C-alpha atoms as a PDB file:
ATOM      1  CA  MET A   1      16.104  15.516  -4.512  1.00  0.00           C
ATOM      2  CA  ASN A   2      14.246  17.704  -2.476  1.00  0.00           C
ATOM      3  CA  LEU A   3      10.739  18.204  -3.990  1.00  0.00           C
ATOM      4  CA  LEU A   4       9.108  20.242  -1.194  1.00  0.00           C
ATOM      5  CA  PRO A   5      11.594  22.725   0.409  1.00  0.00           C
ATOM      6  CA  GLU A   6       9.053  24.974   2.248  1.00  0.00           C
ATOM      7  CA  GLY A   7       6.008  23.536   2.945  1.00  0.00           C
ATOM      8  CA  LEU A   8       2.680  20.941   1.482  1.00  0.00           C
ATOM      9  CA  ASP A   9       1.029  23.770  -0.682  1.00  0.00           C
ATOM     10  CA  PHE A  10       3.358  23.785  -3.636  1.00  0.00           C
ATOM     11  CA  VAL A  11       1.650  21.643  -6.109  1.00  0.00           C
ATOM     12  CA  ASP A  12       0.026  23.559  -8.791  1.00  0.00           C
ATOM     13  CA  VAL A  13      -3.194  21.350  -9.626  1.00  0.00           C
ATOM     14  CA  GLY A  14      -4.048  23.520 -12.662  1.00  0.00           C
ATOM     15  CA  SER A  15      -0.900  22.852 -14.267  1.00  0.00           C
ATOM     16  CA  LEU A  16      -1.336  19.386 -13.630  1.00  0.00           C
ATOM     17  CA  SER A  17      -5.023  19.402 -15.267  1.00  0.00           C
ATOM     18  CA  ARG A  18      -4.013  21.522 -18.037  1.00  0.00           C
ATOM     19  CA  THR A  19      -1.226  18.846 -18.892  1.00  0.00           C
ATOM     20  CA  ARG A  20      -3.610  15.754 -18.688  1.00  0.00           C
ATOM     21  CA  ALA A  21      -6.121  17.936 -20.950  1.00  0.00           C
ATOM     22  CA  ARG A  22      -3.882  18.835 -23.942  1.00  0.00           C
ATOM     23  CA  HIS A  23      -1.255  16.225 -23.253  1.00  0.00           C
ATOM     24  CA  PRO A  24      -2.454  13.308 -21.925  1.00  0.00           C
ATOM     25  CA  GLU A  25       0.201  11.106 -23.682  1.00  0.00           C
ATOM     26  CA  ALA A  26       2.662  12.899 -21.214  1.00  0.00           C
ATOM     27  CA  VAL A  27       1.943  10.579 -18.611  1.00  0.00           C
ATOM     28  CA  ALA A  28       3.245   7.277 -20.694  1.00  0.00           C
ATOM     29  CA  GLU A  29       6.166   9.911 -21.745  1.00  0.00           C
ATOM     30  CA  ALA A  30       7.131  10.395 -17.831  1.00  0.00           C
ATOM     31  CA  ALA A  31       6.854   6.602 -17.274  1.00  0.00           C
ATOM     32  CA  SER A  32       9.125   5.677 -19.860  1.00  0.00           C
ATOM     33  CA  ARG A  33      11.829   8.262 -18.602  1.00  0.00           C
ATOM     34  CA  ARG A  34      11.640   7.190 -15.294  1.00  0.00           C
ATOM     35  CA  VAL A  35      14.970   6.105 -13.745  1.00  0.00           C
ATOM     36  CA  ARG A  36      14.210   2.597 -12.156  1.00  0.00           C
ATOM     37  CA  ARG A  37      16.099   0.923  -9.373  1.00  0.00           C
ATOM     38  CA  GLU A  38      15.917  -2.542  -7.721  1.00  0.00           C
ATOM     39  CA  LEU A  39      13.180  -3.523  -5.490  1.00  0.00           C
ATOM     40  CA  LEU A  40      15.811  -3.973  -2.849  1.00  0.00           C
ATOM     41  CA  SER A  41      18.833  -1.621  -2.650  1.00  0.00           C
ATOM     42  CA  GLY A  42      21.693  -2.212  -0.454  1.00  0.00           C
ATOM     43  CA  SER A  43      20.175  -2.146   2.868  1.00  0.00           C
ATOM     44  CA  GLY A  44      17.928  -4.886   1.583  1.00  0.00           C
ATOM     45  CA  ARG A  45      14.934  -3.217   3.614  1.00  0.00           C
ATOM     46  CA  LEU A  46      11.853  -1.029   2.281  1.00  0.00           C
ATOM     47  CA  MET A  47      10.148   1.676   3.066  1.00  0.00           C
ATOM     48  CA  ILE A  48       7.251   2.306   1.113  1.00  0.00           C
ATOM     49  CA  VAL A  49       4.502   5.354   1.575  1.00  0.00           C
ATOM     50  CA  ALA A  50       0.997   4.145   0.689  1.00  0.00           C
ATOM     51  CA  ALA A  51      -1.354   6.227  -0.932  1.00  0.00           C
ATOM     52  CA  ASP A  52      -4.254   3.922  -2.504  1.00  0.00           C
ATOM     53  CA  HIS A  53      -7.175   4.610  -0.164  1.00  0.00           C
ATOM     54  CA  PRO A  54      -8.903   7.266  -2.053  1.00  0.00           C
ATOM     55  CA  ALA A  55      -9.733   4.914  -4.979  1.00  0.00           C
ATOM     56  CA  ARG A  56     -11.608   2.642  -2.381  1.00  0.00           C
ATOM     57  CA  GLY A  57     -13.583   6.016  -1.319  1.00  0.00           C
ATOM     58  CA  SER A  58     -11.771   5.403   2.097  1.00  0.00           C
ATOM     59  CA  LEU A  59     -10.954   9.487   2.851  1.00  0.00           C
ATOM     60  CA  GLY A  60     -10.675   9.534   6.398  1.00  0.00           C
ATOM     61  CA  VAL A  61      -7.891  10.018   8.836  1.00  0.00           C
ATOM     62  CA  GLY A  62      -8.807  10.050  12.580  1.00  0.00           C
ATOM     63  CA  ARG A  63     -11.925  12.162  13.098  1.00  0.00           C
ATOM     64  CA  ASP A  64     -11.889  13.969   9.667  1.00  0.00           C
ATOM     65  CA  PRO A  65     -13.614  11.902   7.096  1.00  0.00           C
ATOM     66  CA  LEU A  66     -12.448  13.581   4.158  1.00  0.00           C
ATOM     67  CA  ALA A  67      -8.777  14.153   4.926  1.00  0.00           C
ATOM     68  CA  MET A  68      -7.367  12.517   1.898  1.00  0.00           C
ATOM     69  CA  ALA A  69      -9.780  14.440  -0.344  1.00  0.00           C
ATOM     70  CA  ASN A  70      -7.671  17.463  -0.815  1.00  0.00           C
ATOM     71  CA  ARG A  71      -5.639  16.133  -4.247  1.00  0.00           C
ATOM     72  CA  ALA A  72      -3.142  18.956  -3.792  1.00  0.00           C
ATOM     73  CA  ASP A  73      -2.387  18.666  -0.384  1.00  0.00           C
ATOM     74  CA  LEU A  74      -2.167  14.821  -0.471  1.00  0.00           C
ATOM     75  CA  LEU A  75       0.142  15.163  -3.319  1.00  0.00           C
ATOM     76  CA  GLY A  76       2.561  17.472  -1.629  1.00  0.00           C
ATOM     77  CA  ARG A  77       2.677  15.160   1.246  1.00  0.00           C
ATOM     78  CA  LEU A  78       3.466  12.409  -0.850  1.00  0.00           C
ATOM     79  CA  CYS A  79       6.371  14.537  -2.324  1.00  0.00           C
ATOM     80  CA  LEU A  80       7.827  15.485   0.969  1.00  0.00           C
ATOM     81  CA  ALA A  81       7.811  11.754   2.279  1.00  0.00           C
ATOM     82  CA  LEU A  82       9.351  10.421  -1.211  1.00  0.00           C
ATOM     83  CA  SER A  83      12.235  13.419  -0.828  1.00  0.00           C
ATOM     84  CA  ARG A  84      12.896  12.107   2.695  1.00  0.00           C
ATOM     85  CA  PRO A  85      16.515   9.792   3.243  1.00  0.00           C
ATOM     86  CA  GLY A  86      15.687   6.101   3.310  1.00  0.00           C
ATOM     87  CA  VAL A  87      12.016   6.125   1.710  1.00  0.00           C
ATOM     88  CA  ASP A  88      12.231   3.615  -1.099  1.00  0.00           C
ATOM     89  CA  GLY A  89       8.940   4.369  -2.868  1.00  0.00           C
ATOM     90  CA  VAL A  90       4.979   4.767  -3.255  1.00  0.00           C
ATOM     91  CA  LEU A  91       1.911   2.457  -3.454  1.00  0.00           C
ATOM     92  CA  ALA A  92      -0.991   3.986  -5.149  1.00  0.00           C
ATOM     93  CA  SER A  93      -3.892   3.892  -7.688  1.00  0.00           C
ATOM     94  CA  ALA A  94      -3.238   5.142 -11.237  1.00  0.00           C
ATOM     95  CA  ASP A  95      -4.491   8.596 -10.745  1.00  0.00           C
ATOM     96  CA  VAL A  96      -2.026   9.340  -7.853  1.00  0.00           C
ATOM     97  CA  LEU A  97       0.961   7.728  -9.589  1.00  0.00           C
ATOM     98  CA  ASP A  98       0.027   9.679 -13.130  1.00  0.00           C
ATOM     99  CA  ASP A  99       0.161  12.748 -11.156  1.00  0.00           C
ATOM    100  CA  LEU A 100       3.497  11.952  -9.408  1.00  0.00           C
ATOM    101  CA  LEU A 101       4.989  11.030 -12.539  1.00  0.00           C
ATOM    102  CA  LEU A 102       4.130  14.480 -14.075  1.00  0.00           C
ATOM    103  CA  LEU A 103       5.485  15.811 -11.248  1.00  0.00           C
ATOM    104  CA  GLY A 104       8.776  14.319 -11.623  1.00  0.00           C
ATOM    105  CA  ALA A 105       8.575  12.521  -8.097  1.00  0.00           C
ATOM    106  CA  LEU A 106       9.214   8.863  -8.916  1.00  0.00           C
ATOM    107  CA  ASP A 107      12.787   8.840 -10.269  1.00  0.00           C
ATOM    108  CA  GLY A 108      14.672   6.240  -8.371  1.00  0.00           C
ATOM    109  CA  LYS A 109      11.868   4.964  -6.561  1.00  0.00           C
ATOM    110  CA  VAL A 110      10.013   1.699  -6.405  1.00  0.00           C
ATOM    111  CA  VAL A 111       6.476   2.254  -7.632  1.00  0.00           C
ATOM    112  CA  MET A 112       3.807  -0.188  -6.595  1.00  0.00           C
ATOM    113  CA  GLY A 113       0.647  -0.339  -8.516  1.00  0.00           C
ATOM    114  CA  SER A 114      -2.549  -0.882  -6.276  1.00  0.00           C
ATOM    115  CA  MET A 115      -4.672  -3.514  -8.483  1.00  0.00           C
ATOM    116  CA  ASN A 116      -7.967  -4.509  -6.997  1.00  0.00           C
ATOM    117  CA  ARG A 117     -10.113  -1.397  -5.919  1.00  0.00           C
ATOM    118  CA  GLY A 118     -13.632  -2.663  -6.479  1.00  0.00           C
ATOM    119  CA  GLY A 119     -14.270  -3.392  -2.799  1.00  0.00           C
ATOM    120  CA  LEU A 120     -15.586   0.206  -1.998  1.00  0.00           C
ATOM    121  CA  ALA A 121     -15.660   1.284   1.600  1.00  0.00           C
ATOM    122  CA  GLY A 122     -18.988   0.805   3.131  1.00  0.00           C
ATOM    123  CA  ALA A 123     -20.558  -1.014   0.041  1.00  0.00           C
ATOM    124  CA  ALA A 124     -22.505  -4.055   0.377  1.00  0.00           C
ATOM    125  CA  PHE A 125     -20.358  -5.526  -2.260  1.00  0.00           C
ATOM    126  CA  GLU A 126     -17.263  -4.786  -0.399  1.00  0.00           C
ATOM    127  CA  LEU A 127     -16.001  -8.025   0.014  1.00  0.00           C
ATOM    128  CA  ASP A 128     -16.417  -8.921  -3.981  1.00  0.00           C
ATOM    129  CA  ASP A 129     -13.110  -6.741  -4.514  1.00  0.00           C
ATOM    130  CA  ARG A 130     -12.682  -6.955  -8.161  1.00  0.00           C
ATOM    131  CA  PHE A 131      -9.610  -5.813  -9.859  1.00  0.00           C
ATOM    132  CA  THR A 132     -10.785  -2.351 -11.118  1.00  0.00           C
ATOM    133  CA  GLY A 133      -7.216  -0.999 -10.720  1.00  0.00           C
ATOM    134  CA  TYR A 134      -3.876  -1.546 -12.432  1.00  0.00           C
ATOM    135  CA  ARG A 135      -3.524  -5.051 -14.445  1.00  0.00           C
ATOM    136  CA  PRO A 136      -0.510  -6.977 -14.400  1.00  0.00           C
ATOM    137  CA  GLU A 137      -0.260  -5.946 -18.318  1.00  0.00           C
ATOM    138  CA  ASP A 138      -0.470  -1.980 -17.178  1.00  0.00           C
ATOM    139  CA  ILE A 139       2.369  -2.775 -14.394  1.00  0.00           C
ATOM    140  CA  GLU A 140       4.548  -4.268 -17.028  1.00  0.00           C
ATOM    141  CA  ARG A 141       3.888  -1.565 -19.973  1.00  0.00           C
ATOM    142  CA  LEU A 142       4.443   1.419 -17.511  1.00  0.00           C
ATOM    143  CA  GLY A 143       7.894   0.027 -16.143  1.00  0.00           C
ATOM    144  CA  PHE A 144       6.540  -0.012 -12.678  1.00  0.00           C
ATOM    145  CA  ASP A 145       8.287  -2.470 -10.160  1.00  0.00           C
ATOM    146  CA  ALA A 146       5.433  -4.333  -8.496  1.00  0.00           C
ATOM    147  CA  GLY A 147       1.684  -4.696  -7.869  1.00  0.00           C
ATOM    148  CA  LYS A 148      -0.428  -5.230  -4.619  1.00  0.00           C
ATOM    149  CA  LEU A 149      -3.651  -6.626  -3.724  1.00  0.00           C
ATOM    150  CA  LEU A 150      -5.976  -6.835  -0.875  1.00  0.00           C
ATOM    151  CA  LEU A 151      -7.486 -10.052   0.001  1.00  0.00           C
ATOM    152  CA  ARG A 152     -10.257 -10.142   2.725  1.00  0.00           C
ATOM    153  CA  VAL A 153     -11.959 -13.530   3.164  1.00  0.00           C
ATOM    154  CA  ASP A 154     -15.221 -13.366   5.449  1.00  0.00           C
ATOM    155  CA  TYR A 155     -16.287 -16.846   5.421  1.00  0.00           C
ATOM    156  CA  GLU A 156     -19.942 -15.898   5.438  1.00  0.00           C
ATOM    157  CA  ASP A 157     -19.838 -13.793   2.184  1.00  0.00           C
ATOM    158  CA  PRO A 158     -19.593 -15.144  -1.147  1.00  0.00           C
ATOM    159  CA  GLY A 159     -17.878 -12.215  -2.618  1.00  0.00           C
ATOM    160  CA  SER A 160     -14.876 -13.578  -0.684  1.00  0.00           C
ATOM    161  CA  LEU A 161     -14.733 -16.672  -3.145  1.00  0.00           C
ATOM    162  CA  ARG A 162     -14.917 -14.273  -6.055  1.00  0.00           C
ATOM    163  CA  THR A 163     -12.142 -12.193  -4.810  1.00  0.00           C
ATOM    164  CA  LEU A 164      -9.937 -15.123  -3.800  1.00  0.00           C
ATOM    165  CA  HIS A 165     -10.004 -16.569  -7.136  1.00  0.00           C
ATOM    166  CA  SER A 166      -9.400 -13.598  -9.104  1.00  0.00           C
ATOM    167  CA  ALA A 167      -6.639 -12.935  -6.855  1.00  0.00           C
ATOM    168  CA  ALA A 168      -4.960 -16.075  -7.397  1.00  0.00           C
ATOM    169  CA  ARG A 169      -5.093 -15.451 -11.275  1.00  0.00           C
ATOM    170  CA  VAL A 170      -3.515 -12.155 -10.963  1.00  0.00           C
ATOM    171  CA  VAL A 171      -0.784 -13.614  -9.003  1.00  0.00           C
ATOM    172  CA  ASP A 172      -0.266 -16.102 -11.548  1.00  0.00           C
ATOM    173  CA  ALA A 173      -0.132 -13.297 -14.341  1.00  0.00           C
ATOM    174  CA  MET A 174       2.461 -11.098 -12.080  1.00  0.00           C
ATOM    175  CA  ALA A 175       4.695 -14.181 -11.859  1.00  0.00           C
ATOM    176  CA  GLU A 176       4.476 -14.716 -15.501  1.00  0.00           C
ATOM    177  CA  ARG A 177       5.930 -11.414 -15.856  1.00  0.00           C
ATOM    178  CA  ALA A 178       8.661 -11.923 -13.119  1.00  0.00           C
ATOM    179  CA  LEU A 179       7.134  -8.896 -11.164  1.00  0.00           C
ATOM    180  CA  PRO A 180       6.339  -9.058  -7.421  1.00  0.00           C
ATOM    181  CA  VAL A 181       3.095  -8.872  -6.088  1.00  0.00           C
ATOM    182  CA  PHE A 182       2.358  -7.526  -2.629  1.00  0.00           C
ATOM    183  CA  VAL A 183      -0.603  -9.762  -1.089  1.00  0.00           C
ATOM    184  CA  GLU A 184      -2.308  -8.032   1.904  1.00  0.00           C
ATOM    185  CA  PRO A 185      -4.530 -10.864   3.501  1.00  0.00           C
ATOM    186  CA  PHE A 186      -7.142 -10.344   6.382  1.00  0.00           C
ATOM    187  CA  LEU A 187      -9.832 -12.610   7.912  1.00  0.00           C
ATOM    188  CA  THR A 188     -12.758 -10.631   7.883  1.00  0.00           C
ATOM    189  CA  ALA A 189     -16.490 -10.468   9.719  1.00  0.00           C
ATOM    190  CA  ARG A 190     -19.320  -8.390   9.440  1.00  0.00           C
ATOM    191  CA  ASP A 191     -20.740  -6.813  12.946  1.00  0.00           C
ATOM    192  CA  GLY A 192     -24.333  -8.174  12.482  1.00  0.00           C
ATOM    193  CA  ALA A 193     -26.358  -8.397   9.483  1.00  0.00           C
ATOM    194  CA  GLY A 194     -25.298  -5.659   6.873  1.00  0.00           C
ATOM    195  CA  GLY A 195     -22.798  -3.966   9.607  1.00  0.00           C
ATOM    196  CA  PRO A 196     -19.261  -2.917   8.168  1.00  0.00           C
ATOM    197  CA  PRO A 197     -16.577  -5.798   7.637  1.00  0.00           C
ATOM    198  CA  ARG A 198     -13.785  -5.845  10.546  1.00  0.00           C
ATOM    199  CA  ASN A 199     -10.383  -7.194   9.967  1.00  0.00           C
ATOM    200  CA  ASP A 200      -9.659  -9.695  13.000  1.00  0.00           C
ATOM    201  CA  LEU A 201      -6.110  -8.963  14.142  1.00  0.00           C
ATOM    202  CA  SER A 202      -6.324 -11.743  16.601  1.00  0.00           C
ATOM    203  CA  ALA A 203      -3.063 -14.294  16.437  1.00  0.00           C
ATOM    204  CA  GLU A 204      -5.063 -16.929  15.141  1.00  0.00           C
ATOM    205  CA  ALA A 205      -6.811 -14.998  12.413  1.00  0.00           C
ATOM    206  CA  VAL A 206      -3.723 -13.623  11.145  1.00  0.00           C
ATOM    207  CA  THR A 207      -1.888 -16.690  10.886  1.00  0.00           C
ATOM    208  CA  ARG A 208      -4.657 -18.292   9.055  1.00  0.00           C
ATOM    209  CA  SER A 209      -4.790 -15.357   6.556  1.00  0.00           C
ATOM    210  CA  ILE A 210      -1.102 -15.701   5.998  1.00  0.00           C
ATOM    211  CA  ALA A 211      -1.470 -19.316   5.331  1.00  0.00           C
ATOM    212  CA  ILE A 212      -4.329 -18.708   2.469  1.00  0.00           C
ATOM    213  CA  ALA A 213      -2.375 -15.819   0.991  1.00  0.00           C
ATOM    214  CA  SER A 214       0.729 -18.112   0.642  1.00  0.00           C
ATOM    215  CA  GLY A 215      -0.672 -20.632  -1.253  1.00  0.00           C
ATOM    216  CA  LEU A 216      -2.372 -18.867  -4.134  1.00  0.00           C
ATOM    217  CA  ALA A 217      -2.033 -19.470  -7.366  1.00  0.00           C
ATOM    218  CA  GLY A 218       0.562 -21.593  -9.557  1.00  0.00           C
ATOM    219  CA  THR A 219       3.641 -20.310  -7.695  1.00  0.00           C
ATOM    220  CA  SER A 220       4.506 -18.194  -4.820  1.00  0.00           C
ATOM    221  CA  ALA A 221       8.097 -17.239  -6.225  1.00  0.00           C
ATOM    222  CA  TYR A 222       7.241 -13.233  -6.928  1.00  0.00           C
ATOM    223  CA  THR A 223       4.717 -13.348  -4.098  1.00  0.00           C
ATOM    224  CA  TRP A 224       5.176 -10.980  -0.852  1.00  0.00           C
ATOM    225  CA  LEU A 225       3.119 -10.541   2.266  1.00  0.00           C
ATOM    226  CA  LYS A 226       1.806  -7.212   3.456  1.00  0.00           C
ATOM    227  CA  VAL A 227       0.832  -8.067   6.895  1.00  0.00           C
ATOM    228  CA  PRO A 228      -0.585  -6.166  10.008  1.00  0.00           C
ATOM    229  CA  VAL A 229       0.735  -6.448  13.491  1.00  0.00           C
ATOM    230  CA  THR A 230      -1.299  -8.450  15.847  1.00  0.00           C
ATOM    231  CA  GLU A 231      -3.604  -6.934  18.626  1.00  0.00           C
ATOM    232  CA  ASN A 232      -0.936  -8.355  20.886  1.00  0.00           C
ATOM    233  CA  PRO A 233       2.412  -7.537  19.336  1.00  0.00           C
ATOM    234  CA  ASP A 234       4.132 -10.435  21.399  1.00  0.00           C
ATOM    235  CA  ASP A 235       2.324 -12.863  19.046  1.00  0.00           C
ATOM    236  CA  MET A 236       4.204 -11.698  16.084  1.00  0.00           C
ATOM    237  CA  ALA A 237       6.766 -14.142  16.319  1.00  0.00           C
ATOM    238  CA  ARG A 238       4.886 -17.100  16.270  1.00  0.00           C
ATOM    239  CA  VAL A 239       2.414 -16.104  13.503  1.00  0.00           C
ATOM    240  CA  MET A 240       5.225 -14.998  11.031  1.00  0.00           C
ATOM    241  CA  GLU A 241       6.460 -18.390  11.487  1.00  0.00           C
ATOM    242  CA  THR A 242       3.355 -19.295   9.099  1.00  0.00           C
ATOM    243  CA  SER A 243       5.403 -18.578   5.769  1.00  0.00           C
ATOM    244  CA  THR A 244       8.913 -18.309   4.282  1.00  0.00           C
ATOM    245  CA  LEU A 245       7.517 -15.519   2.091  1.00  0.00           C
ATOM    246  CA  PRO A 246       8.999 -12.225   2.443  1.00  0.00           C
ATOM    247  CA  ALA A 247       6.805  -9.738   4.320  1.00  0.00           C
ATOM    248  CA  VAL A 248       6.438  -6.088   4.845  1.00  0.00           C
ATOM    249  CA  LEU A 249       4.111  -4.571   7.692  1.00  0.00           C
ATOM    250  CA  LEU A 250       1.204  -2.169   7.037  1.00  0.00           C
ATOM    251  CA  GLY A 251       0.425   0.644   8.958  1.00  0.00           C
ATOM    252  CA  GLY A 252      -3.399   0.940   9.319  1.00  0.00           C
ATOM    253  CA  ASP A 253      -4.834   3.493  11.334  1.00  0.00           C
ATOM    254  CA  THR A 254      -2.952   4.409  14.434  1.00  0.00           C
ATOM    255  CA  GLY A 255      -5.798   5.871  16.560  1.00  0.00           C
ATOM    256  CA  GLY A 256      -3.736   8.949  17.064  1.00  0.00           C
ATOM    257  CA  ASP A 257      -1.068   7.088  19.199  1.00  0.00           C
ATOM    258  CA  GLN A 258       1.709   7.274  17.015  1.00  0.00           C
ATOM    259  CA  GLU A 259       4.364   6.008  19.503  1.00  0.00           C
ATOM    260  CA  ALA A 260       2.528   2.989  20.129  1.00  0.00           C
ATOM    261  CA  ALA A 261       2.386   2.338  16.201  1.00  0.00           C
ATOM    262  CA  TYR A 262       6.429   2.933  16.268  1.00  0.00           C
ATOM    263  CA  GLU A 263       6.830   0.307  19.001  1.00  0.00           C
ATOM    264  CA  LYS A 264       4.701  -2.151  17.378  1.00  0.00           C
ATOM    265  CA  TRP A 265       6.283  -1.999  13.853  1.00  0.00           C
ATOM    266  CA  ARG A 266       9.757  -1.755  15.956  1.00  0.00           C
ATOM    267  CA  GLY A 267       9.369  -5.193  17.406  1.00  0.00           C
ATOM    268  CA  ALA A 268       8.095  -6.837  14.498  1.00  0.00           C
ATOM    269  CA  LEU A 269      10.546  -5.473  12.438  1.00  0.00           C
ATOM    270  CA  GLN A 270      13.439  -7.537  14.004  1.00  0.00           C
ATOM    271  CA  LEU A 271      11.688 -10.861  12.790  1.00  0.00           C
ATOM    272  CA  PRO A 272      13.590 -13.034   9.751  1.00  0.00           C
ATOM    273  CA  THR A 273      11.054 -12.764   7.203  1.00  0.00           C
ATOM    274  CA  VAL A 274       9.965  -9.054   7.714  1.00  0.00           C
ATOM    275  CA  GLN A 275      11.561  -7.061   4.886  1.00  0.00           C
ATOM    276  CA  GLY A 276      10.364  -3.486   5.844  1.00  0.00           C
ATOM    277  CA  LEU A 277       7.439  -1.269   5.948  1.00  0.00           C
ATOM    278  CA  VAL A 278       4.432  -0.160   3.821  1.00  0.00           C
ATOM    279  CA  VAL A 279       2.692   2.826   5.554  1.00  0.00           C
ATOM    280  CA  GLY A 280       0.189   5.521   4.412  1.00  0.00           C
ATOM    281  CA  ARG A 281      -2.037   7.694   6.780  1.00  0.00           C
ATOM    282  CA  ALA A 282       0.208   7.078   9.930  1.00  0.00           C
ATOM    283  CA  LEU A 283       3.145   8.983   8.152  1.00  0.00           C
ATOM    284  CA  LEU A 284       1.355  11.333   5.604  1.00  0.00           C
ATOM    285  CA  TYR A 285      -1.079  12.699   8.401  1.00  0.00           C
ATOM    286  CA  PRO A 286       0.611  12.153  11.821  1.00  0.00           C
ATOM    287  CA  PRO A 287      -1.454  13.938  14.616  1.00  0.00           C
ATOM    288  CA  ASP A 288       0.900  16.727  15.078  1.00  0.00           C
ATOM    289  CA  GLY A 289       1.110  17.553  11.321  1.00  0.00           C
ATOM    290  CA  ASP A 290       5.110  17.036  11.009  1.00  0.00           C
ATOM    291  CA  VAL A 291       5.387  14.590   7.888  1.00  0.00           C
ATOM    292  CA  ALA A 292       9.001  14.811   7.589  1.00  0.00           C
ATOM    293  CA  GLY A 293       9.216  13.957  11.272  1.00  0.00           C
ATOM    294  CA  ALA A 294       6.764  11.118  11.082  1.00  0.00           C
ATOM    295  CA  VAL A 295       8.462   9.518   7.930  1.00  0.00           C
ATOM    296  CA  ASP A 296      12.306   9.882   9.546  1.00  0.00           C
ATOM    297  CA  THR A 297      11.302   8.357  12.784  1.00  0.00           C
ATOM    298  CA  ALA A 298       9.886   5.234  10.575  1.00  0.00           C
ATOM    299  CA  VAL A 299      12.816   5.074   8.541  1.00  0.00           C
ATOM    300  CA  GLY A 300      14.869   4.939  11.537  1.00  0.00           C
ATOM    301  CA  LEU A 301      13.029   1.796  12.810  1.00  0.00           C
ATOM    302  CA  LEU A 302      14.572  -0.062   9.646  1.00  0.00           C
END
């Protein structure tokens, strides 16, 4: 499959919009026709491209605060990434996945629905991260393959307790449906009164966040972890000893240093519980603009 042979500008937004307006049932029909696959294929490794940032109001990449705001451009980048050998699937919110279904870009791919999008970037309630995205029943109904939730815990913010409680119940509901759920945990703190929350990537903080996430709900049978590489990558081996749950590495903002990101991922991917990568902006918006090259390099790390 090669959905984007000649560039990033092939997506016809007008056609997508007309289909949505006149035939809203086309989304469910496309989902029902989608060719599915197992979560883990022959290699036993996962390469997932993430694009759930816009639904949280987080549109920035590098110095451009609205880099992800152009939907045609984003869809073009996603289709190009999905067409590359070794890319297993995509993580996104409903609007993006609906577009990709209508474009026919999800056949034979792992489709992962983003579940809690209520903690909007920069909001006073950012850590009261309610489940305003996919519900377990939606993921089951659409025939998707997994869900993902973000679990940021600030010991000083009561919103974290509400997020923690609702996350546990969602893990239960996904397990009841035998659907994998990828939990992305962080210990988080605000910089001063009312400051933005900052994720703590120290070895101790990541260790504690993994321990908390691993113990959610009445079973961990279908739980995966989606974890960052620690500030000091050499700490990852000790950190990942905290749980036997399968894990994938998240990408995060590379700060423009793409090679340093690849190097961090390369080392952590050798650890026994780490099964792959879930990366978004670093691959979709690389500093040199070469989406295919960035994706192929990441796939090569696996």
